[in-house]
N, C-alpha and C. Protein backbone atom coordinates (compact mmCIF):
# COMPACT_ATOMS: atom_id res chain seq x y z
N MET A 1 -32.99 -29.14 0.18
CA MET A 1 -33.56 -28.24 1.15
C MET A 1 -32.58 -27.14 1.54
N LYS A 2 -31.32 -27.53 1.78
CA LYS A 2 -30.34 -26.54 2.19
C LYS A 2 -30.04 -25.55 1.07
N LEU A 3 -30.00 -26.01 -0.16
CA LEU A 3 -29.70 -25.12 -1.29
C LEU A 3 -30.81 -24.09 -1.48
N GLY A 4 -32.06 -24.51 -1.42
CA GLY A 4 -33.17 -23.57 -1.55
C GLY A 4 -33.18 -22.55 -0.43
N TYR A 5 -32.92 -22.98 0.78
CA TYR A 5 -32.88 -22.07 1.92
C TYR A 5 -31.73 -21.07 1.76
N LEU A 6 -30.57 -21.57 1.32
CA LEU A 6 -29.41 -20.73 1.13
C LEU A 6 -29.67 -19.66 0.06
N LEU A 7 -30.29 -20.07 -1.06
CA LEU A 7 -30.60 -19.12 -2.12
C LEU A 7 -31.60 -18.06 -1.66
N ARG A 8 -32.59 -18.47 -0.91
CA ARG A 8 -33.58 -17.50 -0.41
C ARG A 8 -32.95 -16.51 0.55
N ARG A 9 -31.95 -16.93 1.31
CA ARG A 9 -31.32 -16.05 2.28
C ARG A 9 -30.22 -15.17 1.67
N CYS A 10 -29.45 -15.71 0.73
CA CYS A 10 -28.29 -14.98 0.20
C CYS A 10 -28.61 -14.06 -0.98
N ILE A 11 -29.48 -14.47 -1.85
CA ILE A 11 -29.78 -13.69 -3.05
C ILE A 11 -30.27 -12.28 -2.69
N PRO A 12 -31.21 -12.10 -1.77
CA PRO A 12 -31.63 -10.73 -1.44
C PRO A 12 -30.49 -9.88 -0.88
N HIS A 13 -29.61 -10.46 -0.08
CA HIS A 13 -28.48 -9.71 0.46
C HIS A 13 -27.49 -9.32 -0.63
N LEU A 14 -27.21 -10.23 -1.53
CA LEU A 14 -26.31 -9.93 -2.64
C LEU A 14 -26.90 -8.85 -3.55
N LEU A 15 -28.17 -8.93 -3.80
CA LEU A 15 -28.85 -7.93 -4.63
C LEU A 15 -28.80 -6.56 -3.96
N ALA A 16 -29.06 -6.51 -2.67
CA ALA A 16 -29.02 -5.24 -1.93
C ALA A 16 -27.61 -4.65 -1.95
N CYS A 17 -26.59 -5.46 -1.76
CA CYS A 17 -25.21 -4.96 -1.79
C CYS A 17 -24.84 -4.43 -3.17
N THR A 18 -25.26 -5.11 -4.21
CA THR A 18 -24.97 -4.67 -5.58
C THR A 18 -25.62 -3.32 -5.86
N ILE A 19 -26.85 -3.16 -5.45
CA ILE A 19 -27.55 -1.89 -5.66
C ILE A 19 -26.89 -0.77 -4.89
N LEU A 20 -26.54 -1.02 -3.64
CA LEU A 20 -25.89 0.02 -2.83
C LEU A 20 -24.54 0.42 -3.41
N LEU A 21 -23.77 -0.53 -3.87
CA LEU A 21 -22.47 -0.20 -4.45
C LEU A 21 -22.61 0.56 -5.76
N SER A 22 -23.56 0.21 -6.58
CA SER A 22 -23.73 0.92 -7.84
C SER A 22 -24.24 2.34 -7.63
N CYS A 23 -25.05 2.55 -6.61
CA CYS A 23 -25.55 3.90 -6.32
C CYS A 23 -24.46 4.78 -5.72
N ALA A 24 -23.49 4.17 -5.06
CA ALA A 24 -22.43 4.94 -4.42
C ALA A 24 -21.32 5.31 -5.39
N ALA A 25 -21.34 4.78 -6.59
CA ALA A 25 -20.30 5.08 -7.56
C ALA A 25 -20.35 6.56 -7.92
N LYS A 26 -19.21 7.20 -7.87
CA LYS A 26 -19.12 8.63 -8.13
C LYS A 26 -18.64 8.85 -9.57
N PRO A 27 -19.33 9.68 -10.34
CA PRO A 27 -18.89 9.90 -11.72
C PRO A 27 -17.56 10.66 -11.76
N ASP A 28 -16.80 10.44 -12.81
CA ASP A 28 -15.54 11.17 -12.99
C ASP A 28 -15.83 12.65 -13.15
N PRO A 29 -14.92 13.51 -12.68
CA PRO A 29 -15.15 14.95 -12.85
C PRO A 29 -15.03 15.35 -14.32
N VAL A 30 -15.71 16.41 -14.67
CA VAL A 30 -15.61 16.97 -16.02
C VAL A 30 -14.34 17.82 -16.07
N ARG A 31 -13.50 17.56 -17.06
CA ARG A 31 -12.25 18.31 -17.19
C ARG A 31 -12.42 19.43 -18.21
N ILE A 32 -12.14 20.65 -17.75
CA ILE A 32 -12.26 21.82 -18.61
C ILE A 32 -10.91 22.55 -18.60
N SER A 33 -10.42 22.89 -19.78
CA SER A 33 -9.18 23.68 -19.91
C SER A 33 -9.53 24.99 -20.59
N VAL A 34 -9.02 26.08 -20.03
CA VAL A 34 -9.27 27.41 -20.59
C VAL A 34 -7.94 28.15 -20.69
N GLN A 35 -7.73 28.78 -21.83
CA GLN A 35 -6.53 29.58 -22.03
C GLN A 35 -6.89 31.05 -21.84
N VAL A 36 -6.07 31.76 -21.04
CA VAL A 36 -6.26 33.19 -20.82
C VAL A 36 -4.97 33.93 -21.22
N ARG A 37 -5.09 35.24 -21.42
CA ARG A 37 -3.92 36.05 -21.75
C ARG A 37 -2.88 35.95 -20.62
N PRO A 38 -1.59 36.07 -20.94
CA PRO A 38 -0.56 35.97 -19.90
C PRO A 38 -0.69 37.03 -18.81
N ASP A 39 -1.23 38.20 -19.14
CA ASP A 39 -1.33 39.28 -18.15
C ASP A 39 -2.73 39.39 -17.53
N TYR A 40 -3.60 38.43 -17.79
CA TYR A 40 -4.99 38.53 -17.30
C TYR A 40 -5.07 38.29 -15.79
N LYS A 41 -5.79 39.17 -15.12
CA LYS A 41 -6.11 39.03 -13.70
C LYS A 41 -7.57 39.41 -13.53
N GLY A 42 -8.30 38.63 -12.75
CA GLY A 42 -9.71 38.94 -12.52
C GLY A 42 -10.57 37.69 -12.60
N PRO A 43 -11.88 37.90 -12.66
CA PRO A 43 -12.79 36.75 -12.70
C PRO A 43 -12.80 36.08 -14.08
N LEU A 44 -12.92 34.77 -14.06
CA LEU A 44 -13.04 33.98 -15.27
C LEU A 44 -14.44 33.38 -15.27
N HIS A 45 -15.22 33.70 -16.28
CA HIS A 45 -16.61 33.22 -16.39
C HIS A 45 -16.68 32.22 -17.54
N ILE A 46 -17.01 30.98 -17.21
CA ILE A 46 -17.08 29.92 -18.22
C ILE A 46 -18.53 29.50 -18.39
N SER A 47 -18.99 29.50 -19.62
CA SER A 47 -20.35 29.04 -19.94
C SER A 47 -20.27 27.59 -20.40
N PRO A 48 -20.78 26.65 -19.58
CA PRO A 48 -20.76 25.25 -20.00
C PRO A 48 -21.91 24.93 -20.96
N CYS A 49 -21.86 23.77 -21.55
CA CYS A 49 -22.92 23.27 -22.45
C CYS A 49 -23.14 24.22 -23.62
N SER A 50 -22.08 24.86 -24.07
CA SER A 50 -22.19 25.85 -25.14
C SER A 50 -22.07 25.19 -26.50
N ARG A 51 -22.72 25.78 -27.49
CA ARG A 51 -22.59 25.30 -28.87
C ARG A 51 -21.29 25.79 -29.49
N GLN A 52 -20.73 26.87 -28.89
CA GLN A 52 -19.48 27.40 -29.41
C GLN A 52 -18.33 26.44 -29.08
N ALA A 53 -17.37 26.41 -29.96
CA ALA A 53 -16.21 25.55 -29.74
C ALA A 53 -15.38 26.08 -28.57
N ASP A 54 -14.72 25.16 -27.88
CA ASP A 54 -13.83 25.57 -26.80
C ASP A 54 -12.74 26.46 -27.39
N GLY A 55 -12.47 27.55 -26.72
CA GLY A 55 -11.45 28.47 -27.21
C GLY A 55 -10.92 29.31 -26.08
N PRO A 56 -10.00 30.21 -26.37
CA PRO A 56 -9.44 31.05 -25.32
C PRO A 56 -10.46 32.04 -24.78
N ALA A 57 -10.23 32.49 -23.56
CA ALA A 57 -11.11 33.49 -22.95
C ALA A 57 -10.89 34.84 -23.63
N ASP A 58 -11.94 35.65 -23.68
CA ASP A 58 -11.80 36.97 -24.28
C ASP A 58 -11.20 37.96 -23.27
N GLU A 59 -11.16 39.24 -23.63
CA GLU A 59 -10.54 40.26 -22.77
C GLU A 59 -11.26 40.44 -21.44
N GLN A 60 -12.55 40.14 -21.39
CA GLN A 60 -13.32 40.27 -20.15
C GLN A 60 -13.30 38.99 -19.32
N GLY A 61 -12.61 37.97 -19.77
CA GLY A 61 -12.54 36.72 -19.02
C GLY A 61 -13.70 35.79 -19.28
N ARG A 62 -14.39 35.94 -20.40
CA ARG A 62 -15.52 35.08 -20.76
C ARG A 62 -15.02 33.97 -21.66
N ALA A 63 -15.35 32.72 -21.30
CA ALA A 63 -14.96 31.57 -22.11
C ALA A 63 -16.15 30.64 -22.26
N TYR A 64 -16.12 29.82 -23.28
CA TYR A 64 -17.19 28.88 -23.56
C TYR A 64 -16.61 27.47 -23.68
N THR A 65 -17.38 26.51 -23.23
CA THR A 65 -16.96 25.12 -23.37
C THR A 65 -18.16 24.26 -23.73
N GLN A 66 -17.90 23.24 -24.51
CA GLN A 66 -18.95 22.30 -24.86
C GLN A 66 -19.15 21.26 -23.77
N ALA A 67 -18.22 21.20 -22.82
CA ALA A 67 -18.35 20.26 -21.70
C ALA A 67 -19.61 20.62 -20.91
N CYS A 68 -20.36 19.61 -20.54
CA CYS A 68 -21.64 19.83 -19.89
C CYS A 68 -21.74 18.96 -18.63
N PRO A 69 -21.27 19.47 -17.48
CA PRO A 69 -21.33 18.67 -16.27
C PRO A 69 -22.77 18.33 -15.89
N GLN A 70 -22.97 17.12 -15.41
CA GLN A 70 -24.29 16.72 -14.95
C GLN A 70 -24.48 17.23 -13.52
N ALA A 71 -25.72 17.23 -13.07
CA ALA A 71 -26.01 17.67 -11.71
C ALA A 71 -25.24 16.80 -10.72
N GLY A 72 -24.51 17.44 -9.82
CA GLY A 72 -23.74 16.73 -8.81
C GLY A 72 -22.36 16.30 -9.25
N GLN A 73 -22.01 16.52 -10.51
CA GLN A 73 -20.69 16.12 -11.01
C GLN A 73 -19.68 17.23 -10.77
N GLU A 74 -18.50 16.86 -10.30
CA GLU A 74 -17.46 17.84 -10.02
C GLU A 74 -16.83 18.35 -11.31
N VAL A 75 -16.20 19.53 -11.21
CA VAL A 75 -15.53 20.14 -12.35
C VAL A 75 -14.05 20.25 -12.02
N ASP A 76 -13.20 19.81 -12.94
CA ASP A 76 -11.75 19.89 -12.81
C ASP A 76 -11.28 20.95 -13.80
N LEU A 77 -10.90 22.15 -13.31
CA LEU A 77 -10.55 23.27 -14.18
C LEU A 77 -9.05 23.46 -14.26
N THR A 78 -8.54 23.55 -15.50
CA THR A 78 -7.14 23.85 -15.75
C THR A 78 -7.08 25.16 -16.52
N VAL A 79 -6.30 26.11 -16.01
CA VAL A 79 -6.15 27.41 -16.65
C VAL A 79 -4.74 27.49 -17.23
N ILE A 80 -4.66 27.79 -18.51
CA ILE A 80 -3.37 27.94 -19.19
C ILE A 80 -3.16 29.43 -19.39
N GLN A 81 -2.10 29.94 -18.76
CA GLN A 81 -1.82 31.37 -18.80
C GLN A 81 -0.37 31.55 -19.20
N GLY A 82 -0.16 31.85 -20.49
CA GLY A 82 1.20 31.96 -21.00
C GLY A 82 1.87 30.59 -20.93
N GLU A 83 3.01 30.53 -20.24
CA GLU A 83 3.75 29.28 -20.08
C GLU A 83 3.29 28.50 -18.86
N GLN A 84 2.47 29.12 -18.02
CA GLN A 84 2.02 28.47 -16.78
C GLN A 84 0.72 27.71 -16.98
N THR A 85 0.61 26.59 -16.32
CA THR A 85 -0.62 25.83 -16.28
C THR A 85 -1.00 25.65 -14.82
N ARG A 86 -2.21 26.07 -14.47
CA ARG A 86 -2.67 25.97 -13.08
C ARG A 86 -3.92 25.12 -13.00
N HIS A 87 -3.98 24.37 -11.93
CA HIS A 87 -5.19 23.60 -11.63
C HIS A 87 -5.95 24.38 -10.55
N ILE A 88 -7.21 24.63 -10.80
CA ILE A 88 -8.05 25.31 -9.80
C ILE A 88 -8.98 24.27 -9.21
N PRO A 89 -8.83 24.00 -7.90
CA PRO A 89 -9.67 22.97 -7.27
C PRO A 89 -11.14 23.35 -7.26
N SER A 90 -11.99 22.35 -7.25
CA SER A 90 -13.43 22.59 -7.31
C SER A 90 -13.93 23.41 -6.12
N GLU A 91 -13.20 23.38 -5.01
CA GLU A 91 -13.62 24.17 -3.83
C GLU A 91 -13.50 25.67 -4.10
N LYS A 92 -12.63 26.06 -5.05
CA LYS A 92 -12.44 27.48 -5.35
C LYS A 92 -13.26 27.94 -6.54
N LEU A 93 -14.11 27.07 -7.05
CA LEU A 93 -14.99 27.43 -8.17
C LEU A 93 -16.37 27.77 -7.64
N THR A 94 -17.02 28.72 -8.27
CA THR A 94 -18.42 29.01 -8.00
C THR A 94 -19.21 28.53 -9.20
N ILE A 95 -20.13 27.63 -8.96
CA ILE A 95 -20.92 27.07 -10.05
C ILE A 95 -22.37 27.48 -9.87
N SER A 96 -22.85 28.34 -10.76
CA SER A 96 -24.25 28.77 -10.74
C SER A 96 -25.08 27.71 -11.46
N LYS A 97 -26.19 27.32 -10.84
CA LYS A 97 -27.01 26.23 -11.38
C LYS A 97 -28.47 26.63 -11.49
N THR A 98 -29.18 25.90 -12.34
CA THR A 98 -30.63 26.07 -12.43
C THR A 98 -31.27 25.30 -11.27
N GLY A 99 -32.57 25.37 -11.16
CA GLY A 99 -33.28 24.66 -10.11
C GLY A 99 -33.14 23.15 -10.23
N ASP A 100 -32.84 22.67 -11.42
CA ASP A 100 -32.64 21.23 -11.65
C ASP A 100 -31.22 20.79 -11.35
N GLY A 101 -30.35 21.74 -10.99
CA GLY A 101 -28.96 21.42 -10.71
C GLY A 101 -28.05 21.44 -11.92
N ILE A 102 -28.55 21.94 -13.04
CA ILE A 102 -27.74 22.01 -14.26
C ILE A 102 -26.88 23.27 -14.21
N PRO A 103 -25.56 23.16 -14.37
CA PRO A 103 -24.70 24.35 -14.30
C PRO A 103 -24.91 25.27 -15.49
N VAL A 104 -24.98 26.57 -15.20
CA VAL A 104 -25.13 27.57 -16.27
C VAL A 104 -23.92 28.49 -16.36
N GLU A 105 -23.13 28.57 -15.27
CA GLU A 105 -21.90 29.37 -15.31
C GLU A 105 -20.94 28.86 -14.25
N ILE A 106 -19.67 28.80 -14.63
CA ILE A 106 -18.61 28.42 -13.72
C ILE A 106 -17.69 29.63 -13.59
N THR A 107 -17.46 30.07 -12.36
CA THR A 107 -16.65 31.26 -12.13
C THR A 107 -15.45 30.92 -11.27
N ALA A 108 -14.29 31.44 -11.68
CA ALA A 108 -13.06 31.28 -10.92
C ALA A 108 -12.34 32.61 -10.90
N SER A 109 -11.48 32.80 -9.91
CA SER A 109 -10.70 34.02 -9.81
C SER A 109 -9.27 33.74 -10.24
N ILE A 110 -8.78 34.54 -11.18
CA ILE A 110 -7.39 34.41 -11.65
C ILE A 110 -6.58 35.52 -11.02
N GLU A 111 -5.59 35.15 -10.27
CA GLU A 111 -4.76 36.16 -9.55
C GLU A 111 -3.34 36.13 -10.01
């Protein structure tokens, strides 16, 4: 009697806790590295989910990456400029998205 009562009382609570913890899990950020010219200053426009291979940014600051962040996933951007490597925090990135939350452009300012 006690075992059946215990299972009826504990199993729903354990199941609820498991579901809540799995829903709260945060996905790892998408890591993107972009190389720019050593003298480049200005906006950097990155097109995610591109078929083009990852490569250096062009003269206008346009770069492409095959990385494709999911809706709600953070982006970790590293800019390689000559001998310097900078991390740009996600708070300083502008991410343009579709209505579904899919990113179509990531913009950062290189100073």
